[in-house]
Amino acid sequence: MVLDSDLMLVERTLAGDQAAFELLVIKYQRRIERLIGRMVRDVDLVEDIAQETFIRAYRALPKFRGDAQFYTWLYRIAVNTAKMFLLELKRDPTVSQSTLERSNEDDETFQPKSEPSTDESPESVLAAKEIGQAVNAALDALPQDLRQAITLREMDGLSYEDIAEVMGCPIGTVRSRIFRAREAISARIKPMLEKQTSKRW
């Protein structure tokens, strides 16, 4: 069982075994970096925030009681660390063009270029790009709690229970936030979709 092996590594770390914590880092680093990458969007910062997350987790390890899964506990630390960096970023919110392009490619709402399409005209490619950018813009415009909930659900595939654990709120609140986030994103892209549909006929 995952929880048992993680708990064993935590216990070994607390007993002074550095290699045990390194195994936890190796196990969850990519997942944590993906989560942070979706929250922060600036690829240059992802590694720094992930590193800070693991440093904080290491320091807080004695507080880990094992009543939640280790990665859920770690996610909460990652989210809080990313929030701290985001507050710093508000003073200088510039994002490089390459970062924008990469976040578009990583976004699961984007149509992969390799996917066959019967309508690969320059107009349809541009329309798909515009819609993808609108989804990203709609995500960025959401309040932090809604953006976090929808990101954890749709992009990281967490269950409602895990999201509630990460965000420290009831499942009902999680459902409400995800519903409101979906409504806001839908409202933003619906006019664009209708415009594309009317163009075709």
Protein backbone atom coordinates (compact mmCIF):
# COMPACT_ATOMS: atom_id res chain seq x y z
CA MET A 1 0.00 0.00 0.00
CA VAL A 2 1.33 3.45 -1.01
CA LEU A 3 0.49 5.05 2.32
CA ASP A 4 2.44 2.38 4.24
CA SER A 5 5.61 2.70 2.13
CA ASP A 6 5.49 6.51 2.38
CA LEU A 7 4.94 6.34 6.11
CA MET A 8 7.87 3.96 6.45
CA LEU A 9 10.11 6.40 4.53
CA VAL A 10 8.90 9.27 6.74
CA GLU A 11 9.71 7.27 9.86
CA ARG A 12 13.18 6.39 8.52
CA THR A 13 13.81 10.06 7.70
CA LEU A 14 12.81 11.12 11.21
CA ALA A 15 15.18 8.46 12.54
CA GLY A 16 18.01 10.23 10.70
CA ASP A 17 18.08 8.39 7.35
CA GLN A 18 18.63 11.16 4.74
CA ALA A 19 18.38 8.70 1.83
CA ALA A 20 14.77 7.87 2.83
CA PHE A 21 13.69 11.49 2.30
CA GLU A 22 15.57 11.60 -1.01
CA LEU A 23 13.45 8.64 -2.14
CA LEU A 24 10.28 10.61 -1.30
CA VAL A 25 11.63 13.58 -3.29
CA ILE A 26 12.41 11.36 -6.29
CA LYS A 27 8.97 9.73 -6.05
CA TYR A 28 6.94 12.97 -5.98
CA GLN A 29 9.14 15.61 -7.60
CA ARG A 30 7.63 15.43 -11.10
CA ARG A 31 4.08 15.43 -9.76
CA ILE A 32 4.78 18.41 -7.52
CA GLU A 33 6.48 20.28 -10.38
CA ARG A 34 3.47 19.65 -12.64
CA LEU A 35 1.13 21.01 -9.98
CA ILE A 36 3.27 24.11 -9.40
CA GLY A 37 3.72 24.62 -13.14
CA ARG A 38 -0.04 24.86 -13.57
CA MET A 39 -0.38 27.33 -10.73
CA VAL A 40 2.58 29.60 -11.46
CA ARG A 41 2.89 29.29 -15.27
CA ASP A 42 6.45 30.67 -15.20
CA VAL A 43 8.66 27.68 -15.99
CA ASP A 44 11.73 29.44 -14.60
CA LEU A 45 10.17 29.47 -11.13
CA VAL A 46 8.80 25.91 -11.00
CA GLU A 47 12.06 24.27 -9.93
CA ASP A 48 12.71 26.89 -7.22
CA ILE A 49 9.21 26.51 -5.78
CA ALA A 50 9.44 22.70 -5.88
CA GLN A 51 12.77 22.84 -4.05
CA GLU A 52 11.33 25.21 -1.45
CA THR A 53 8.34 22.85 -1.08
CA PHE A 54 10.56 19.89 -0.23
CA ILE A 55 12.66 21.98 2.17
CA ARG A 56 9.47 23.05 3.99
CA ALA A 57 8.16 19.49 3.97
CA TYR A 58 11.42 18.22 5.45
CA ARG A 59 11.25 20.81 8.24
CA ALA A 60 7.58 20.04 8.91
CA LEU A 61 8.02 16.25 8.76
CA PRO A 62 7.72 15.76 12.56
CA LYS A 63 4.15 17.21 12.25
CA PHE A 64 3.14 14.58 9.67
CA ARG A 65 0.92 12.13 11.56
CA GLY A 66 -0.06 9.83 8.71
CA ASP A 67 -3.80 10.51 8.97
CA ALA A 68 -3.68 11.83 5.37
CA GLN A 69 -1.75 10.37 2.44
CA PHE A 70 1.78 11.76 2.27
CA TYR A 71 1.37 13.23 -1.23
CA THR A 72 -1.86 15.01 -0.16
CA TRP A 73 0.03 16.57 2.74
CA LEU A 74 2.89 17.46 0.39
CA TYR A 75 0.47 18.99 -2.14
CA ARG A 76 -0.86 21.31 0.54
CA ILE A 77 2.68 22.51 1.28
CA ALA A 78 3.35 22.94 -2.47
CA VAL A 79 0.16 24.95 -2.95
CA ASN A 80 0.96 27.22 0.00
CA THR A 81 4.53 27.71 -1.20
CA ALA A 82 3.32 28.52 -4.73
CA LYS A 83 0.79 31.00 -3.30
CA MET A 84 3.61 32.77 -1.48
CA PHE A 85 5.60 33.04 -4.72
CA LEU A 86 2.50 34.23 -6.60
CA LEU A 87 2.08 37.08 -4.11
CA GLU A 88 5.67 38.07 -4.82
CA LEU A 89 5.01 37.83 -8.58
CA LYS A 90 2.11 40.31 -8.37
CA ARG A 91 4.73 43.02 -8.07
CA ASP A 92 6.18 41.91 -11.42
CA PRO A 93 3.60 39.77 -13.25
CA THR A 94 5.42 39.70 -16.61
CA VAL A 95 5.52 36.30 -18.26
CA SER A 96 7.80 35.52 -21.19
CA GLN A 97 6.34 34.55 -24.56
CA SER A 98 8.07 31.15 -24.45
CA THR A 99 6.44 30.49 -21.08
CA LEU A 100 3.01 31.32 -22.53
CA GLU A 101 3.59 29.03 -25.50
CA ARG A 102 4.75 26.18 -23.29
CA SER A 103 1.81 26.53 -20.91
CA ASN A 104 -0.51 26.37 -23.93
CA GLU A 105 1.10 23.14 -25.10
CA ASP A 106 0.86 21.62 -21.62
CA ASP A 107 -2.77 22.66 -21.24
CA GLU A 108 -5.03 19.64 -21.65
CA THR A 109 -7.74 21.83 -23.20
CA PHE A 110 -5.45 22.28 -26.18
CA GLN A 111 -5.91 20.13 -29.27
CA PRO A 112 -2.63 18.25 -29.86
CA LYS A 113 -1.02 19.11 -33.20
CA SER A 114 -0.62 15.41 -34.01
CA GLU A 115 -4.36 14.80 -33.72
CA PRO A 116 -5.89 14.28 -37.18
CA SER A 117 -8.43 16.85 -38.21
CA THR A 118 -10.68 17.16 -41.25
CA ASP A 119 -10.59 20.96 -40.99
CA GLU A 120 -6.91 21.91 -40.70
CA SER A 121 -7.32 25.30 -42.37
CA PRO A 122 -5.28 28.25 -41.05
CA GLU A 123 -8.57 29.70 -39.71
CA SER A 124 -9.40 26.57 -37.68
CA VAL A 125 -5.84 26.36 -36.29
CA LEU A 126 -6.02 30.02 -35.29
CA ALA A 127 -9.48 29.51 -33.77
CA ALA A 128 -8.24 26.55 -31.69
CA LYS A 129 -5.30 28.64 -30.49
CA GLU A 130 -7.58 31.56 -29.60
CA ILE A 131 -9.93 29.29 -27.65
CA GLY A 132 -6.99 27.72 -25.81
CA GLN A 133 -5.69 31.18 -24.91
CA ALA A 134 -9.18 32.19 -23.78
CA VAL A 135 -9.34 29.14 -21.48
CA ASN A 136 -5.95 30.08 -20.01
CA ALA A 137 -7.06 33.70 -19.62
CA ALA A 138 -10.31 32.57 -17.97
CA LEU A 139 -8.30 30.38 -15.57
CA ASP A 140 -5.97 33.28 -14.73
CA ALA A 141 -8.96 35.57 -14.13
CA LEU A 142 -10.52 33.19 -11.58
CA PRO A 143 -10.12 33.88 -7.86
CA GLN A 144 -7.25 31.83 -6.40
CA ASP A 145 -9.49 29.32 -4.58
CA LEU A 146 -11.56 28.54 -7.71
CA ARG A 147 -8.47 28.29 -9.94
CA GLN A 148 -6.78 25.96 -7.47
CA ALA A 149 -9.83 23.69 -7.17
CA ILE A 150 -10.41 23.36 -10.93
CA THR A 151 -6.67 22.85 -11.60
CA LEU A 152 -6.36 20.09 -9.02
CA ARG A 153 -9.47 18.38 -10.40
CA GLU A 154 -9.16 18.76 -14.17
CA MET A 155 -5.42 18.90 -14.68
CA ASP A 156 -3.98 16.91 -11.81
CA GLY A 157 -6.84 14.41 -11.60
CA LEU A 158 -7.29 14.55 -7.82
CA SER A 159 -10.47 13.20 -6.24
CA TYR A 160 -12.86 15.60 -4.46
CA GLU A 161 -11.70 14.06 -1.16
CA ASP A 162 -8.03 14.77 -1.92
CA ILE A 163 -8.81 18.32 -3.06
CA ALA A 164 -10.73 18.92 0.17
CA GLU A 165 -7.68 17.65 2.07
CA VAL A 166 -5.25 19.84 0.09
CA MET A 167 -7.40 22.97 0.36
CA GLY A 168 -8.46 22.33 3.95
CA CYS A 169 -12.19 22.72 3.31
CA PRO A 170 -15.32 20.51 3.14
CA ILE A 171 -16.07 18.47 0.00
CA GLY A 172 -19.23 20.54 -0.56
CA THR A 173 -17.10 23.68 -0.81
CA VAL A 174 -14.80 21.93 -3.30
CA ARG A 175 -17.79 20.93 -5.48
CA SER A 176 -19.13 24.49 -5.34
CA ARG A 177 -15.76 25.99 -6.31
CA ILE A 178 -15.30 23.59 -9.24
CA PHE A 179 -18.85 24.27 -10.47
CA ARG A 180 -18.33 28.05 -10.28
CA ALA A 181 -14.96 27.77 -12.04
CA ARG A 182 -16.47 25.71 -14.87
CA GLU A 183 -19.32 28.21 -15.25
CA ALA A 184 -16.89 31.14 -15.45
CA ILE A 185 -14.67 29.41 -18.03
CA SER A 186 -17.70 28.33 -20.07
CA ALA A 187 -19.08 31.88 -20.08
CA ARG A 188 -15.77 33.14 -21.37
CA ILE A 189 -15.36 30.71 -24.28
CA LYS A 190 -19.02 30.18 -25.27
CA PRO A 191 -19.20 33.34 -27.47
CA MET A 192 -16.01 32.25 -29.27
CA LEU A 193 -17.37 28.75 -29.91
CA GLU A 194 -20.65 30.18 -31.22
CA LYS A 195 -18.73 32.54 -33.49
CA GLN A 196 -16.74 29.61 -34.94
CA THR A 197 -19.88 27.53 -35.46
CA SER A 198 -21.69 30.36 -37.27
CA LYS A 199 -18.66 30.86 -39.55
CA ARG A 200 -18.83 27.29 -40.79
CA TRP A 201 -22.45 27.49 -41.96
